[in-house]
Protein backbone atom coordinates (compact mmCIF):
# COMPACT_ATOMS: atom_id res chain seq x y z
CA MET A 1 170.86 -38.03 198.67
CA SER A 2 172.36 -34.71 199.78
CA ASP A 3 171.90 -31.49 197.79
CA VAL A 4 175.64 -31.34 197.06
CA GLY A 5 175.71 -34.88 195.70
CA LYS A 6 172.57 -34.26 193.69
CA ASN A 7 174.02 -31.21 191.92
CA GLN A 8 177.36 -32.85 191.31
CA TYR A 9 175.60 -35.81 189.75
CA TRP A 10 173.74 -33.72 187.15
CA GLU A 11 176.45 -31.12 186.57
CA GLN A 12 178.88 -33.93 185.72
CA PHE A 13 176.31 -35.68 183.54
CA SER A 14 177.56 -37.81 180.65
CA ILE A 15 176.00 -40.40 178.38
CA VAL A 16 176.77 -44.02 179.26
CA PRO A 17 175.97 -47.19 177.26
CA THR A 18 172.98 -48.04 179.46
CA ASP A 19 171.42 -44.68 178.53
CA LEU A 20 171.52 -45.55 174.83
CA GLU A 21 170.19 -49.03 175.58
CA HIS A 22 167.24 -47.50 177.37
CA LEU A 23 166.53 -45.06 174.52
CA ALA A 24 166.80 -47.89 171.97
CA ASN A 25 164.19 -49.86 173.90
CA PHE A 26 162.05 -46.74 174.21
CA LEU A 27 162.09 -46.18 170.43
CA MET A 28 161.51 -49.85 169.76
CA GLU A 29 158.42 -49.96 171.97
CA SER A 30 156.92 -46.74 170.65
CA GLU A 31 157.80 -47.40 166.96
CA THR A 32 157.88 -43.62 166.59
CA PRO A 33 160.89 -41.44 165.69
CA ARG A 34 161.64 -38.79 168.30
CA THR A 35 163.44 -35.46 168.49
CA ILE A 36 166.48 -34.79 170.68
CA PRO A 37 164.40 -32.78 173.22
CA HIS A 38 161.91 -35.65 173.50
CA LEU A 39 164.66 -38.25 173.95
CA ALA A 40 166.49 -36.03 176.44
CA GLN A 41 163.35 -35.65 178.55
CA GLU A 42 162.86 -39.41 178.49
CA LEU A 43 166.46 -39.92 179.56
CA ILE A 44 166.18 -37.43 182.44
CA THR A 45 163.02 -39.17 183.67
CA HIS A 46 164.75 -42.54 183.39
CA ARG A 47 167.83 -41.35 185.30
CA TYR A 48 165.62 -39.70 187.93
CA GLN A 49 163.68 -42.90 188.50
CA HIS A 50 166.92 -44.86 188.68
CA LEU A 51 168.18 -42.52 191.41
CA CYS A 52 164.91 -42.87 193.28
CA ASP A 53 165.08 -46.67 193.13
CA LEU A 54 168.71 -46.64 194.22
CA ALA A 55 168.02 -44.32 197.15
CA GLU A 56 164.98 -46.29 198.27
CA ALA A 57 166.96 -49.51 198.09
CA THR A 58 169.66 -47.95 200.25
CA LEU A 59 167.18 -46.59 202.81
CA SER A 60 165.51 -49.99 203.06
CA GLN A 61 168.71 -51.60 204.37
CA GLY A 62 168.20 -50.19 207.83
CA ARG A 63 166.16 -47.98 210.13
CA ILE A 64 166.66 -44.26 209.54
CA TYR A 65 168.50 -42.54 212.38
CA ARG A 66 166.30 -40.28 214.52
CA PRO A 67 167.74 -38.89 217.80
CA CYS A 68 164.40 -39.35 219.60
CA GLU A 69 164.26 -43.11 218.96
CA THR A 70 165.99 -46.06 220.64
CA TYR A 71 168.02 -48.75 218.87
CA ALA A 72 169.00 -52.30 219.82
CA LEU A 73 172.38 -54.00 219.65
CA GLU A 74 173.33 -55.31 216.19
CA GLU A 75 170.52 -53.28 214.62
CA LYS A 76 171.23 -51.80 211.14
CA VAL A 77 170.90 -48.00 211.06
CA ILE A 78 171.16 -45.70 208.04
CA PHE A 79 172.23 -42.06 208.27
CA PRO A 80 170.79 -40.03 205.33
CA HIS A 81 172.34 -36.78 206.57
CA LEU A 82 175.78 -38.42 206.21
CA GLY A 83 175.30 -39.48 202.61
CA ASN A 84 173.29 -42.64 203.44
CA LEU A 85 176.05 -44.26 205.48
CA LEU A 86 175.00 -47.67 206.81
CA GLY A 87 176.19 -48.94 210.19
CA GLU A 88 175.52 -51.48 212.95
CA VAL A 89 174.86 -50.68 216.60
CA CYS A 90 177.68 -52.26 218.61
CA SER A 91 176.98 -50.76 222.07
CA VAL A 92 174.54 -48.55 223.97
CA ARG A 93 175.28 -46.58 227.13
CA ALA A 94 173.66 -43.90 229.23
CA GLY A 95 174.43 -40.33 228.29
CA HIS A 96 175.42 -37.58 230.74
CA ASN A 97 174.77 -33.87 230.14
CA PRO A 98 173.37 -31.54 232.80
CA GLU A 99 171.49 -29.55 230.14
CA TYR A 100 169.40 -32.55 229.10
CA THR A 101 167.28 -35.13 230.84
CA ASP A 102 168.09 -38.80 230.51
CA PHE A 103 169.25 -39.90 227.07
CA SER A 104 171.41 -42.64 225.59
CA VAL A 105 174.46 -42.86 223.36
CA MET A 106 174.92 -45.65 220.87
CA GLN A 107 178.20 -46.58 219.22
CA VAL A 108 177.89 -47.46 215.53
CA LYS A 109 180.40 -49.30 213.41
CA PHE A 110 180.30 -48.53 209.66
CA GLU A 111 181.21 -50.78 206.75
CA SER A 112 184.51 -48.92 206.38
CA GLY A 113 185.48 -50.00 209.92
CA ALA A 114 185.12 -46.52 211.38
CA GLU A 115 183.11 -46.07 214.58
CA ARG A 116 181.09 -43.07 215.77
CA GLU A 117 178.71 -42.29 218.64
CA PHE A 118 175.19 -40.91 218.22
CA VAL A 119 172.56 -39.63 220.69
CA THR A 120 169.40 -41.75 221.08
CA ASN A 121 166.26 -41.64 223.23
CA LEU A 122 166.52 -37.84 223.31
CA SER A 123 163.46 -36.15 224.80
CA VAL A 124 164.31 -32.71 223.39
CA SER A 125 163.15 -31.96 219.84
CA HIS A 126 165.89 -32.27 217.18
CA PRO A 127 165.72 -31.30 213.44
CA LEU A 128 166.67 -34.82 212.38
CA ASP A 129 163.52 -36.14 214.04
CA GLU A 130 161.36 -34.28 211.51
CA ALA A 131 163.62 -34.51 208.45
CA VAL A 132 161.99 -35.92 205.30
CA TYR A 133 164.40 -37.86 203.13
CA ALA A 134 163.05 -37.78 199.60
CA PRO A 135 165.13 -39.98 197.28
CA VAL A 136 166.41 -37.01 195.22
CA GLY A 137 165.69 -34.09 197.47
CA ASP A 138 163.26 -31.47 196.19
CA LEU A 139 164.00 -32.09 192.51
CA THR A 140 161.49 -33.44 190.02
CA PRO A 141 161.98 -34.47 186.38
CA GLU A 142 160.41 -31.12 185.40
CA LEU A 143 162.88 -29.12 187.49
CA LEU A 144 165.78 -31.21 186.23
CA TRP A 145 164.72 -30.53 182.63
CA GLU A 146 164.51 -26.81 183.32
CA GLN A 147 167.96 -26.69 184.93
CA TYR A 148 169.91 -29.31 182.99
CA GLY A 149 167.88 -29.90 179.83
CA ASN A 150 170.20 -28.03 177.45
CA MET A 151 173.28 -29.79 178.78
CA VAL A 152 171.66 -33.23 178.47
CA GLN A 153 170.50 -32.46 174.92
CA MET A 154 174.01 -31.47 173.83
CA ALA A 155 175.56 -34.60 175.34
CA LEU A 156 172.86 -36.81 173.84
CA HIS A 157 173.13 -35.29 170.37
CA GLN A 158 176.87 -35.90 170.32
CA ALA A 159 176.43 -39.50 171.51
CA LEU A 160 173.75 -40.32 168.92
CA GLN A 161 175.83 -38.85 166.10
CA THR A 162 178.68 -41.23 166.84
CA ASN A 163 176.54 -44.32 167.37
CA ALA A 164 175.73 -46.33 164.24
CA GLN A 165 172.66 -47.84 165.90
CA PHE A 166 170.75 -44.56 165.52
CA VAL A 167 169.84 -42.65 162.36
CA THR A 168 168.47 -39.15 161.92
CA MET A 169 166.19 -37.45 159.44
CA GLY A 170 165.65 -33.74 159.85
CA GLU A 171 165.32 -33.30 163.61
CA GLN A 172 164.12 -36.82 164.43
CA TRP A 173 166.01 -39.96 165.43
CA PHE A 174 165.22 -43.65 165.19
CA LEU A 175 166.85 -47.10 165.14
CA ARG A 176 168.56 -48.08 161.92
CA GLU A 177 167.62 -51.76 162.17
CA LEU A 178 163.90 -50.95 162.45
CA LEU A 179 163.67 -48.80 159.33
CA LEU A 180 161.38 -50.05 156.60
CA GLU A 181 163.17 -51.15 153.47
CA ILE A 182 162.23 -48.83 150.61
CA SER A 183 162.68 -50.57 147.27
CA LEU A 184 164.08 -49.09 144.07
CA VAL A 185 160.64 -49.54 142.51
CA GLN A 186 159.08 -47.37 145.22
CA LEU A 187 161.74 -44.69 144.74
CA ASN A 188 161.09 -44.74 141.00
CA ILE A 189 157.38 -44.22 141.68
CA ALA A 190 158.26 -41.23 143.91
CA GLU A 191 160.34 -39.80 141.07
CA ALA A 192 157.44 -40.20 138.62
CA LEU A 193 155.05 -38.45 141.02
CA LEU A 194 157.39 -35.49 141.37
CA ASP A 195 157.93 -35.42 137.61
CA MET A 196 154.17 -35.08 137.09
CA ALA A 197 154.20 -32.22 139.65
CA GLN A 198 156.76 -30.28 137.54
CA GLY A 199 159.50 -31.33 139.91
CA GLY A 200 157.65 -30.57 143.15
CA PRO A 201 157.51 -29.70 145.87
CA LEU A 202 155.41 -32.50 147.38
CA PRO A 203 155.17 -33.53 151.05
CA THR A 204 156.18 -37.03 152.11
CA THR A 205 152.56 -37.91 152.84
CA ALA A 206 151.59 -37.24 149.21
CA LEU A 207 154.24 -39.70 148.04
CA LEU A 208 153.21 -42.31 150.62
CA GLU A 209 149.66 -42.33 149.32
CA GLU A 210 150.86 -43.90 146.09
CA LEU A 211 153.25 -46.41 147.65
CA GLU A 212 152.30 -49.76 149.12
CA MET A 213 153.48 -49.73 152.73
CA PRO A 214 152.75 -52.35 155.43
CA ALA A 215 149.52 -51.37 157.17
CA GLU A 216 150.76 -52.59 160.56
CA ILE A 217 153.61 -50.07 160.57
CA SER A 218 152.85 -46.76 162.26
CA PRO A 219 152.52 -43.72 159.94
CA PRO A 220 155.39 -41.82 161.67
CA LEU A 221 157.73 -44.74 161.00
CA GLN A 222 156.55 -45.00 157.39
CA ILE A 223 157.27 -41.30 156.87
CA PHE A 224 160.67 -41.47 158.57
CA SER A 225 161.75 -44.53 156.56
CA LEU A 226 160.70 -43.03 153.23
CA GLU A 227 162.36 -39.68 154.02
CA HIS A 228 165.54 -41.48 155.03
CA ALA A 229 165.61 -43.33 151.71
CA LEU A 230 164.79 -40.22 149.65
CA GLU A 231 167.49 -38.19 151.36
CA ARG A 232 170.11 -40.76 150.37
CA ASP A 233 169.03 -40.87 146.74
CA GLY A 234 170.68 -38.17 144.64
CA ARG A 235 167.56 -37.65 142.55
CA PHE A 236 165.68 -35.99 145.40
CA ASP A 237 166.15 -32.79 147.38
CA GLU A 238 164.41 -31.99 150.64
CA VAL A 239 163.53 -28.29 150.29
CA GLY A 240 160.86 -27.65 152.93
CA PRO A 241 161.05 -24.25 154.67
CA ALA A 242 158.94 -24.61 157.78
CA GLY A 243 159.51 -27.90 159.57
CA GLN A 244 157.60 -30.10 157.10
CA ALA A 245 159.66 -32.11 154.65
CA LEU A 246 158.98 -31.18 151.02
CA TRP A 247 160.60 -33.02 148.12
CA TYR A 248 161.81 -31.78 144.75
CA LEU A 249 163.51 -33.46 141.80
CA GLN A 250 167.01 -32.09 141.69
CA ARG A 251 167.21 -32.25 137.88
CA MET A 252 164.17 -29.98 137.62
CA GLU A 253 165.41 -27.29 140.00
CA PRO A 254 166.36 -23.95 138.36
CA LYS A 255 169.90 -23.83 137.02
CA SER A 256 170.68 -20.80 139.16
CA VAL A 257 169.73 -22.83 142.23
CA LEU A 258 171.94 -25.78 141.35
CA GLU A 259 174.84 -23.57 140.24
CA ILE A 260 175.91 -20.23 141.69
CA PRO A 261 175.20 -17.52 139.07
CA GLU A 262 178.42 -16.25 137.54
CA ARG A 263 177.89 -12.65 138.71
CA LEU A 264 177.66 -13.86 142.35
CA ARG A 265 180.83 -15.94 142.43
CA TYR A 266 183.32 -14.51 144.88
CA ILE A 267 186.91 -15.70 145.13
CA PRO A 268 188.16 -14.66 148.59
CA LEU A 269 190.91 -12.04 148.50
CA PRO A 270 193.60 -11.52 151.14
CA TYR A 271 193.62 -8.04 152.65
CA ASN A 272 194.85 -6.16 155.70
CA ARG A 273 191.81 -5.55 157.92
CA SER A 274 193.87 -3.60 160.45
CA ALA A 275 194.47 -0.91 157.81
CA ILE A 276 190.75 -0.05 157.75
CA ASP A 277 189.59 2.48 160.34
CA THR A 278 186.48 2.08 162.48
CA ASP A 279 184.33 4.48 160.45
CA ALA A 280 185.14 2.61 157.26
CA LEU A 281 184.31 -0.71 158.91
CA ALA A 282 180.79 0.59 159.55
CA LEU A 283 180.27 0.43 155.79
CA GLU A 284 179.81 -3.31 156.17
CA GLN A 285 176.47 -2.77 157.88
CA GLN A 286 175.37 -0.16 155.35
CA VAL A 287 176.12 -2.34 152.32
CA ALA A 288 175.11 -5.64 153.98
CA ASP A 289 177.10 -7.78 151.57
CA GLU A 290 176.57 -11.52 151.95
CA TRP A 291 180.33 -12.02 152.32
CA THR A 292 180.63 -9.45 155.08
CA GLU A 293 182.41 -10.56 158.25
CA SER A 294 180.31 -8.68 160.78
CA ALA A 295 177.47 -10.40 162.64
CA PHE A 296 173.93 -9.11 162.95
CA ASP A 297 172.70 -8.60 166.50
CA GLY A 298 169.48 -6.68 165.84
CA THR A 299 165.85 -7.77 165.65
CA LEU A 300 163.58 -8.12 162.65
CA ASP A 301 160.24 -7.44 164.29
CA GLU A 302 159.36 -4.88 161.62
CA GLY A 303 161.22 -6.42 158.69
CA LEU A 304 164.18 -4.87 156.93
CA ALA A 305 165.21 -2.95 153.83
CA VAL A 306 167.79 -4.14 151.31
CA ILE A 307 169.73 -2.02 148.81
CA LEU A 308 169.91 -3.92 145.52
CA PHE A 309 173.37 -3.98 143.96
CA TYR A 310 174.28 -5.00 140.43
CA PRO A 311 175.32 -8.66 140.92
CA HIS A 312 171.98 -9.52 142.54
CA TRP A 313 169.95 -7.29 140.20
CA ARG A 314 171.56 -9.08 137.26
CA SER A 315 171.06 -12.55 138.77
CA GLY A 316 167.50 -12.08 140.06
CA THR A 317 168.68 -12.70 143.62
CA LEU A 318 169.11 -11.15 147.06
CA PRO A 319 172.16 -11.42 149.32
CA LEU A 320 171.80 -13.97 152.11
CA ASN A 321 173.70 -11.78 154.54
CA ALA A 322 173.69 -12.00 158.34
CA ARG A 323 170.47 -9.96 158.54
CA LEU A 324 168.50 -11.79 155.86
CA ALA A 325 169.59 -15.14 157.26
CA GLN A 326 167.45 -14.25 160.31
CA LEU A 327 164.44 -13.70 158.06
CA PHE A 328 164.60 -16.38 155.39
CA PRO A 329 164.12 -20.07 156.23
CA THR A 330 167.61 -21.52 156.65
CA ALA A 331 167.30 -23.77 159.72
CA ARG A 332 167.08 -27.08 157.87
CA LEU A 333 170.17 -29.13 157.18
CA THR A 334 169.63 -29.08 153.42
CA ASP A 335 171.52 -26.62 151.24
CA ARG A 336 168.53 -25.53 149.15
CA VAL A 337 165.23 -24.40 150.65
CA ARG A 338 162.13 -23.55 148.62
CA PHE A 339 159.68 -20.99 149.98
CA SER A 340 157.25 -18.39 148.63
CA PHE A 341 157.53 -14.66 148.05
CA MET A 342 154.35 -12.60 148.32
CA ASP A 343 154.15 -9.17 146.68
CA LYS A 344 152.78 -6.93 149.43
CA ASP A 345 151.05 -4.66 146.91
CA THR A 346 149.36 -7.25 144.70
CA GLY A 347 149.15 -10.31 146.96
CA LYS A 348 150.70 -12.36 144.16
CA THR A 349 152.90 -15.25 145.32
CA PHE A 350 155.78 -16.80 143.46
CA PRO A 351 158.51 -19.32 144.36
CA GLY A 352 161.83 -18.41 145.90
CA TRP A 353 164.90 -20.44 146.79
CA VAL A 354 167.45 -20.07 149.56
CA VAL A 355 170.87 -21.40 148.53
CA ARG A 356 172.88 -21.47 151.70
CA SER A 357 176.23 -22.52 150.22
CA GLY A 358 176.12 -19.65 147.73
CA ARG A 359 174.73 -17.15 150.27
CA TYR A 360 171.92 -15.91 148.06
CA VAL A 361 168.15 -16.02 147.63
CA TYR A 362 166.94 -16.75 144.10
CA GLY A 363 163.69 -16.19 142.21
CA LEU A 364 163.26 -12.44 141.65
CA GLN A 365 164.24 -11.82 138.01
CA GLU A 366 160.67 -11.51 136.74
CA TRP A 367 159.60 -9.50 139.79
CA TYR A 368 162.44 -7.03 139.24
CA ALA A 369 161.40 -6.58 135.62
CA GLU A 370 157.68 -6.25 136.39
CA ASN A 371 158.30 -3.61 139.06
CA GLN A 372 161.09 -1.83 137.16
CA VAL A 373 163.44 -2.31 140.08
CA GLY A 374 166.90 -0.92 139.28
CA VAL A 375 170.38 -1.04 140.75
CA GLY A 376 170.40 0.83 144.04
CA ALA A 377 166.66 0.44 144.67
CA TYR A 378 165.30 -0.26 148.14
CA ILE A 379 163.48 -3.55 148.67
CA ASP A 380 161.43 -4.11 151.82
CA LEU A 381 161.15 -7.63 153.26
CA GLN A 382 159.11 -9.01 156.11
CA ALA A 383 158.10 -12.43 157.38
CA SER A 384 154.46 -13.24 156.70
CA GLN A 385 152.11 -14.69 159.29
CA GLU A 386 152.02 -17.75 157.05
CA ALA A 387 154.99 -20.05 157.60
CA GLY A 388 157.38 -20.26 154.68
CA VAL A 389 156.17 -17.00 153.08
CA ILE A 390 158.22 -13.78 152.84
CA GLU A 391 156.49 -10.50 151.99
CA ILE A 392 158.34 -8.32 149.48
CA HIS A 393 157.67 -4.70 148.57
CA ALA A 394 159.09 -2.26 146.03
CA ARG A 395 158.87 1.43 147.01
CA HIS A 396 157.18 2.71 143.85
CA ILE A 397 157.51 6.40 143.00
CA ARG A 398 156.33 8.61 140.15
CA SER A 399 159.06 10.54 138.39
CA ARG A 400 157.61 12.35 135.37
CA ARG A 401 160.86 13.77 134.05
CA GLY A 402 163.17 11.04 135.38
CA GLU A 403 166.16 11.37 137.71
CA TRP A 404 169.76 12.40 137.11
CA LEU A 405 171.79 9.27 137.80
CA ARG A 406 175.24 7.88 137.13
CA THR A 407 175.18 5.93 133.88
CA VAL A 408 177.80 3.29 133.09
CA THR A 409 178.67 2.01 129.62
CA ALA A 410 181.50 -0.21 128.39
CA ARG A 411 183.71 0.40 125.39
CA ASP A 412 187.39 0.38 124.52
CA ASN A 413 187.97 -2.29 127.19
CA ARG A 414 186.98 -0.02 130.08
CA LEU A 415 183.97 1.54 131.80
CA HIS A 416 182.79 5.03 130.94
CA PHE A 417 180.74 7.26 133.21
CA GLU A 418 178.30 10.11 132.76
CA VAL A 419 175.27 11.56 134.48
CA THR A 420 172.05 11.24 132.48
CA ARG A 421 168.37 11.66 133.10
CA ALA A 422 166.65 8.27 133.33
CA PRO A 423 163.17 7.09 134.22
CA VAL A 424 162.97 5.71 137.78
CA ALA A 425 160.09 3.63 139.13
CA CYS A 426 161.31 2.88 142.66
CA GLU A 427 162.87 4.74 145.55
CA TYR A 428 166.63 4.33 145.56
CA ASP A 429 169.82 4.97 147.49
CA GLU A 430 171.58 7.90 145.80
CA LEU A 431 175.05 6.55 146.54
CA ALA A 432 174.36 3.06 145.19
CA ALA A 433 172.09 3.81 142.21
CA ILE A 434 173.54 3.39 138.73
CA ILE A 435 172.05 2.96 135.27
CA VAL A 436 173.47 0.18 133.10
CA PRO A 437 171.92 0.48 129.61
CA ASP A 438 173.61 -2.65 128.24
CA PRO A 439 174.33 -5.21 130.98
CA GLN A 440 175.51 -7.83 128.48
CA VAL A 441 178.33 -5.59 127.25
CA VAL A 442 179.35 -4.87 130.85
CA ASP A 443 179.36 -8.59 131.66
CA THR A 444 181.57 -9.26 128.65
CA LEU A 445 183.99 -6.59 129.83
CA ALA A 446 184.00 -8.20 133.28
CA GLN A 447 185.13 -11.46 131.68
CA ASP A 448 187.88 -9.68 129.75
CA LEU A 449 189.16 -7.97 132.91
CA ARG A 450 188.83 -10.93 135.28
CA ARG A 451 192.62 -11.32 135.71
CA ILE A 452 193.39 -7.66 136.35
CA PRO A 453 194.49 -7.02 139.98
CA LEU A 454 191.85 -5.50 142.24
CA GLU A 455 193.98 -2.40 142.82
CA ASN A 456 194.03 -1.66 139.08
CA LEU A 457 190.25 -2.04 138.79
CA VAL A 458 189.74 0.26 141.77
CA GLU A 459 192.00 2.90 140.24
CA GLN A 460 190.26 2.73 136.85
CA ILE A 461 186.78 3.02 138.36
CA PHE A 462 187.77 5.66 140.90
CA SER A 463 189.24 7.81 138.15
CA GLY A 464 186.03 7.62 136.13
CA LEU A 465 183.72 8.32 139.06
CA SER A 466 185.77 11.23 140.40
CA GLY A 467 185.26 13.04 137.11
CA LEU A 468 181.50 13.22 137.82
CA SER A 469 182.05 15.43 140.90
CA LEU A 470 183.36 18.98 141.11
CA GLN A 471 185.13 17.99 144.34
CA ARG A 472 186.46 14.86 142.58
CA ALA A 473 185.42 12.89 145.66
CA VAL A 474 183.98 9.37 145.55
CA HIS A 475 181.91 7.71 148.27
CA ALA A 476 182.89 4.15 149.16
CA VAL A 477 179.31 2.88 148.58
CA THR A 478 179.36 4.28 145.04
CA LEU A 479 182.77 2.76 144.38
CA TYR A 480 181.55 -0.58 145.74
CA SER A 481 178.40 -0.46 143.62
CA VAL A 482 180.34 0.16 140.38
CA LEU A 483 183.24 -2.15 141.23
CA ASN A 484 180.78 -5.01 141.50
CA LEU A 485 179.82 -4.55 137.87
CA LEU A 486 183.19 -5.98 136.95
CA ARG A 487 184.12 -8.18 139.90
CA ARG A 488 182.30 -9.68 142.86
CA VAL A 489 184.04 -8.03 145.81
CA PRO A 490 182.72 -7.33 149.34
CA PRO A 491 183.48 -3.90 150.79
CA LEU A 492 186.45 -4.67 153.07
CA PRO A 493 188.99 -5.81 150.43
CA MET A 494 188.09 -2.68 148.46
CA LEU A 495 188.47 -0.43 151.51
CA ALA A 496 191.80 -2.06 152.34
CA ALA A 497 193.00 -1.35 148.80
CA LEU A 498 192.16 2.33 149.29
CA ALA A 499 193.68 2.52 152.78
CA MET A 500 196.94 0.81 151.76
CA ASP A 501 197.49 3.01 148.69
CA GLN A 502 198.98 6.43 149.47
CA ARG A 503 197.46 7.87 146.30
CA TYR A 504 194.03 7.93 147.99
CA ASN A 505 193.08 10.34 150.72
CA ALA A 506 190.26 9.65 153.24
CA LEU A 507 188.05 12.76 153.57
CA GLY A 508 185.73 11.41 156.26
CA ASP A 509 182.21 9.94 156.14
CA ASN A 510 183.58 7.28 153.76
CA TYR A 511 184.41 9.80 151.04
CA TRP A 512 187.76 9.44 149.29
CA ALA A 513 189.81 11.62 146.97
CA TYR A 514 192.58 10.74 144.53
CA ARG A 515 195.74 12.73 145.17
CA GLY A 516 197.99 11.12 142.61
CA ASP A 517 201.57 9.94 142.91
CA ASP A 518 203.04 12.99 144.68
């Protein structure tokens, strides 16, 4: 096979029915579920061997053409350098060329009816005399995997998804008809085991130990079949963070995991992004809201710091923004993932939950209280060397006399602002930090004002905050921090409201002033 044909073959690769038949037989013989990469490698090896067999069968139909050799009439000759064309010698004559000694010329008729002449019995060395015709050139299954593996995996994944013969669990695939039947009684036993474990999590192997499974069935197939049945039963959630399936009873998961906490619920707002200048857009990265539209293209080799804003402080959560999504376990197909936090100072571990649909990480309410973490505080996060564990750290400080901070109270159906001295236990961002003495009253006010247009809320809050500064200027981070006491809003709709209203004047560095109606 020529190099050009070889590349065209793999570059135009597509899955055909015989490929799936081969993989079905492969899974049937091994009785072991396999991942897409494993199946793709098997398919490449199978296709490679098929090409080898096909090429060898073609080459065996005749003698390979070599210019130094002689050929008889009616002899079958194959020409690998011409794409394995097969022909029959129909005549041989003496050749005449003053530059060469005696040689012959044979006329060959091909299956298409075309005829061509070729030199034979040539005494001078020719490259075709030494050519080695490997069935697929210099390629090997390993080289094919390296060059075309990703493409084959994508094509295979799409084909398996649309074929009812195959089923998937996590990252593995198997044949539907070979799955073990898991009875309702066995599922009820699994529920009882998780109930005794306070809901979980338990690995599949722990559940299997208490179920009667056929001994002749391989353990991987037992695990796959049970996981497939558990996944399709609404009582169970697969919540494992690090590649191993872990099971939890859905009815025993925390309420704030099953339902998005009220303070985190965001109803998307239309806004004019083009009205926001480039400097203001940079605020997205500074705030790192989970509903931000900008992607994260950095690295997390040394962890990251998060500024804690009111909605997450109140809910005991962290924002699952583009940065944190790189750190927390979110690769599994399930919506909820259970992992462990580890306090970097004390070594204490406690459970955490990733809720992908709500874009938040839950499980920090007690930790916030124990460490006296307030609104605007910095929280450091880093992946642990142990899979499924995230290290968390509060930057504790000693402030004997307290710090002067913006304090927000609610009365007369609006927020009121002042600067008071308050005890502070953790390092904080001066623009974001606020003291909320009575969060319940603020939350009640938020409910009362839930139908007020965003522009009206911004004006009310801006007016109150500007009174705390001699310059009557308000930074966008401060406005965002306070605005989110009353309504869950990411920074861009707020910035658009400022930019589109002529009563506000941009001072630079994301500071704004109110210039009134004139």
